[in-house]
C-alpha atoms as a PDB file:
ATOM      1  CA  MET A   1     117.243 104.948  84.185  1.00  0.00           C
ATOM      2  CA  THR A   2     114.383 103.092  82.498  1.00  0.00           C
ATOM      3  CA  SER A   3     111.023 102.659  84.201  1.00  0.00           C
ATOM      4  CA  LEU A   4     108.679  99.682  83.731  1.00  0.00           C
ATOM      5  CA  ASN A   5     105.145  99.193  85.037  1.00  0.00           C
ATOM      6  CA  ILE A   6     103.658  95.674  85.051  1.00  0.00           C
ATOM      7  CA  GLN A   7     100.162  94.802  86.219  1.00  0.00           C
ATOM      8  CA  THR A   8      99.739  91.139  87.056  1.00  0.00           C
ATOM      9  CA  ASN A   9      97.965  88.643  89.279  1.00  0.00           C
ATOM     10  CA  VAL A  10     100.994  86.444  89.996  1.00  0.00           C
ATOM     11  CA  GLU A  11     101.921  85.370  93.504  1.00  0.00           C
ATOM     12  CA  LEU A  12     104.282  87.492  95.581  1.00  0.00           C
ATOM     13  CA  GLU A  13     106.898  84.719  95.362  1.00  0.00           C
ATOM     14  CA  VAL A  14     107.035  85.145  91.573  1.00  0.00           C
ATOM     15  CA  LEU A  15     107.524  88.888  91.962  1.00  0.00           C
ATOM     16  CA  GLU A  16     110.332  88.280  94.422  1.00  0.00           C
ATOM     17  CA  ASN A  17     112.012  85.937  91.918  1.00  0.00           C
ATOM     18  CA  ILE A  18     111.747  88.567  89.177  1.00  0.00           C
ATOM     19  CA  LYS A  19     113.188  91.132  91.575  1.00  0.00           C
ATOM     20  CA  SER A  20     116.119  88.814  92.349  1.00  0.00           C
ATOM     21  CA  LEU A  21     116.762  88.278  88.648  1.00  0.00           C
ATOM     22  CA  LEU A  22     116.764  92.012  87.932  1.00  0.00           C
ATOM     23  CA  LEU A  23     119.069  92.702  90.875  1.00  0.00           C
ATOM     24  CA  SER A  24     121.479  90.040  89.635  1.00  0.00           C
ATOM     25  CA  ILE A  25     121.598  91.831  86.262  1.00  0.00           C
ATOM     26  CA  ASP A  26     121.770  95.340  87.699  1.00  0.00           C
ATOM     27  CA  PRO A  27     122.413  95.799  91.431  1.00  0.00           C
ATOM     28  CA  ASN A  28     121.129  99.394  91.171  1.00  0.00           C
ATOM     29  CA  THR A  29     117.654  98.178  90.223  1.00  0.00           C
ATOM     30  CA  ILE A  30     114.811  99.647  92.256  1.00  0.00           C
ATOM     31  CA  VAL A  31     111.738  97.436  92.508  1.00  0.00           C
ATOM     32  CA  SER A  32     108.502  98.397  94.213  1.00  0.00           C
ATOM     33  CA  TYR A  33     105.058  96.923  94.055  1.00  0.00           C
ATOM     34  CA  LYS A  34     101.653  97.730  95.432  1.00  0.00           C
ATOM     35  CA  ASP A  35      98.756  95.381  95.921  1.00  0.00           C
ATOM     36  CA  ASP A  36      95.323  96.819  95.089  1.00  0.00           C
ATOM     37  CA  LYS A  37      94.181  95.291  98.372  1.00  0.00           C
ATOM     38  CA  ASP A  38      96.367  97.878 100.122  1.00  0.00           C
ATOM     39  CA  ASP A  39      93.753 100.465  99.168  1.00  0.00           C
ATOM     40  CA  TYR A  40      91.256  98.656 101.380  1.00  0.00           C
ATOM     41  CA  TYR A  41      93.508  98.083 104.381  1.00  0.00           C
ATOM     42  CA  ILE A  42      91.957  98.769 107.744  1.00  0.00           C
ATOM     43  CA  SER A  43      94.034  98.974 110.918  1.00  0.00           C
ATOM     44  CA  ASP A  44      93.361  96.644 113.839  1.00  0.00           C
ATOM     45  CA  GLU A  45      92.154  99.603 115.902  1.00  0.00           C
ATOM     46  CA  ASP A  46      89.724 100.710 113.178  1.00  0.00           C
ATOM     47  CA  ALA A  47      88.543  97.123 112.705  1.00  0.00           C
ATOM     48  CA  LYS A  48      87.662  96.957 116.408  1.00  0.00           C
ATOM     49  CA  LYS A  49      85.758 100.252 116.178  1.00  0.00           C
ATOM     50  CA  LEU A  50      83.886  98.977 113.123  1.00  0.00           C
ATOM     51  CA  ASP A  51      83.023  95.704 114.895  1.00  0.00           C
ATOM     52  CA  LYS A  52      81.720  97.671 117.884  1.00  0.00           C
ATOM     53  CA  ALA A  53      79.612  99.934 115.656  1.00  0.00           C
ATOM     54  CA  CYS A  54      78.165  96.917 113.829  1.00  0.00           C
ATOM     55  CA  GLU A  55      77.288  95.259 117.135  1.00  0.00           C
ATOM     56  CA  GLU A  56      75.551  98.438 118.330  1.00  0.00           C
ATOM     57  CA  ILE A  57      73.533  98.603 115.116  1.00  0.00           C
ATOM     58  CA  GLU A  58      72.570  94.919 115.340  1.00  0.00           C
ATOM     59  CA  ASN A  59      71.569  95.296 119.016  1.00  0.00           C
ATOM     60  CA  GLY A  60      69.542  98.452 118.395  1.00  0.00           C
ATOM     61  CA  GLN A  61      71.927 100.536 120.512  1.00  0.00           C
ATOM     62  CA  ALA A  62      73.187 102.827 117.749  1.00  0.00           C
ATOM     63  CA  GLN A  63      72.276 106.489 117.971  1.00  0.00           C
ATOM     64  CA  TYR A  64      71.214 108.042 114.689  1.00  0.00           C
ATOM     65  CA  LEU A  65      71.183 111.785 114.094  1.00  0.00           C
ATOM     66  CA  SER A  66      69.471 113.686 111.327  1.00  0.00           C
ATOM     67  CA  PHE A  67      71.506 115.918 109.055  1.00  0.00           C
ATOM     68  CA  ASP A  68      70.135 118.988 110.847  1.00  0.00           C
ATOM     69  CA  GLU A  69      71.141 117.553 114.242  1.00  0.00           C
ATOM     70  CA  VAL A  70      74.667 116.846 113.014  1.00  0.00           C
ATOM     71  CA  LYS A  71      74.901 120.316 111.490  1.00  0.00           C
ATOM     72  CA  LYS A  72      73.734 121.911 114.768  1.00  0.00           C
ATOM     73  CA  LEU A  73      76.156 119.884 116.914  1.00  0.00           C
ATOM     74  CA  SER A  74      79.028 120.600 114.529  1.00  0.00           C
ATOM     75  CA  SER A  75      78.308 124.329 114.636  1.00  0.00           C
ATOM     76  CA  GLU A  76      78.147 124.288 118.436  1.00  0.00           C
ATOM     77  CA  ASN A  77      81.453 122.457 118.689  1.00  0.00           C
ATOM     78  CA  LEU A  78      83.126 124.793 116.208  1.00  0.00           C
ATOM     79  CA  ARG A  79      81.910 127.824 118.189  1.00  0.00           C
ATOM     80  CA  LYS A  80      83.356 126.293 121.368  1.00  0.00           C
ATOM     81  CA  LEU A  81      86.672 126.079 119.525  1.00  0.00           C
ATOM     82  CA  GLY A  82      86.469 129.762 118.629  1.00  0.00           C
ATOM     83  CA  ALA A  83      85.045 129.673 115.121  1.00  0.00           C
ATOM     84  CA  ASP A  84      82.992 132.712 114.139  1.00  0.00           C
ATOM     85  CA  ILE A  85      80.024 131.013 112.460  1.00  0.00           C
END
């Protein structure tokens, strides 16, 4: 089987037409494509969490911890889970 990689900015409809053409020539054709935007996808749940965090920052309600505070809390939590640190 031959493999082909094409990078383009054409609309999805054009890609679907090319896929149809290839399938009409060879029904065993495998076509897959990935949009670079997929790398930046955020789920609806994560988008809500991000919106909430942004609102807290804008309203002055966000809690900020120093690196040392985070390190201390992380160590405490790991010890509670049985880590020997």
